[in-house]
Amino acid sequence: MRPKKGVDPYMVAFLLLSRMAQTQIQSLTSGTSASHNRIKTKELAQLSLPVPRSGSESARKLKRLVTRYRQVLAGMMECQRSLVELREDEAAWMGRCVPPVKKPLPKRL
C-alpha cells in the first residue's frame, strides 16, 4: 500500500503508530500467534486515521510532530551507521578485516 499522491508517507506512518490506529489494527488481526497475525489489505485500507482539517491549528501541530518524527528517524539511522562503523573499527583494531555491511542489520541485538 502507498499513500495517495500528495500525502506525506511519514505522516501516514506516524498516524499508523498512534493509539487510535493501533487499536483498530489489533482488532483486524487474525492468526494464532503474534508472529502469524495477518491483516487483509482491503481491511487495512478502511482504517480511520485522525487527519485534521487542512489549515487548522491541529493540522499545524501534526505537521510539527511529523517533522520531529522524520528528524528522530534520521537520527536513529545515523546512530545505526555509526555503530556499524564502530564495530568495523573494532574488528580492524583486533587485527581482522570485516567487509562493509551491505545487508540490513538484524532487528534484535
Foldseek 3Di string as FASTA:
>chain_A
DDDDPPDDVLLVVVQCPDPQNVVQVVVQWDDDDPVPTDHDPVSNVPGDTPADDPPDPVNVVSVVVSVVVVVVVVVVVVVVVVVQVVVQVVCVVVVHHDPRDDDDDDPDD
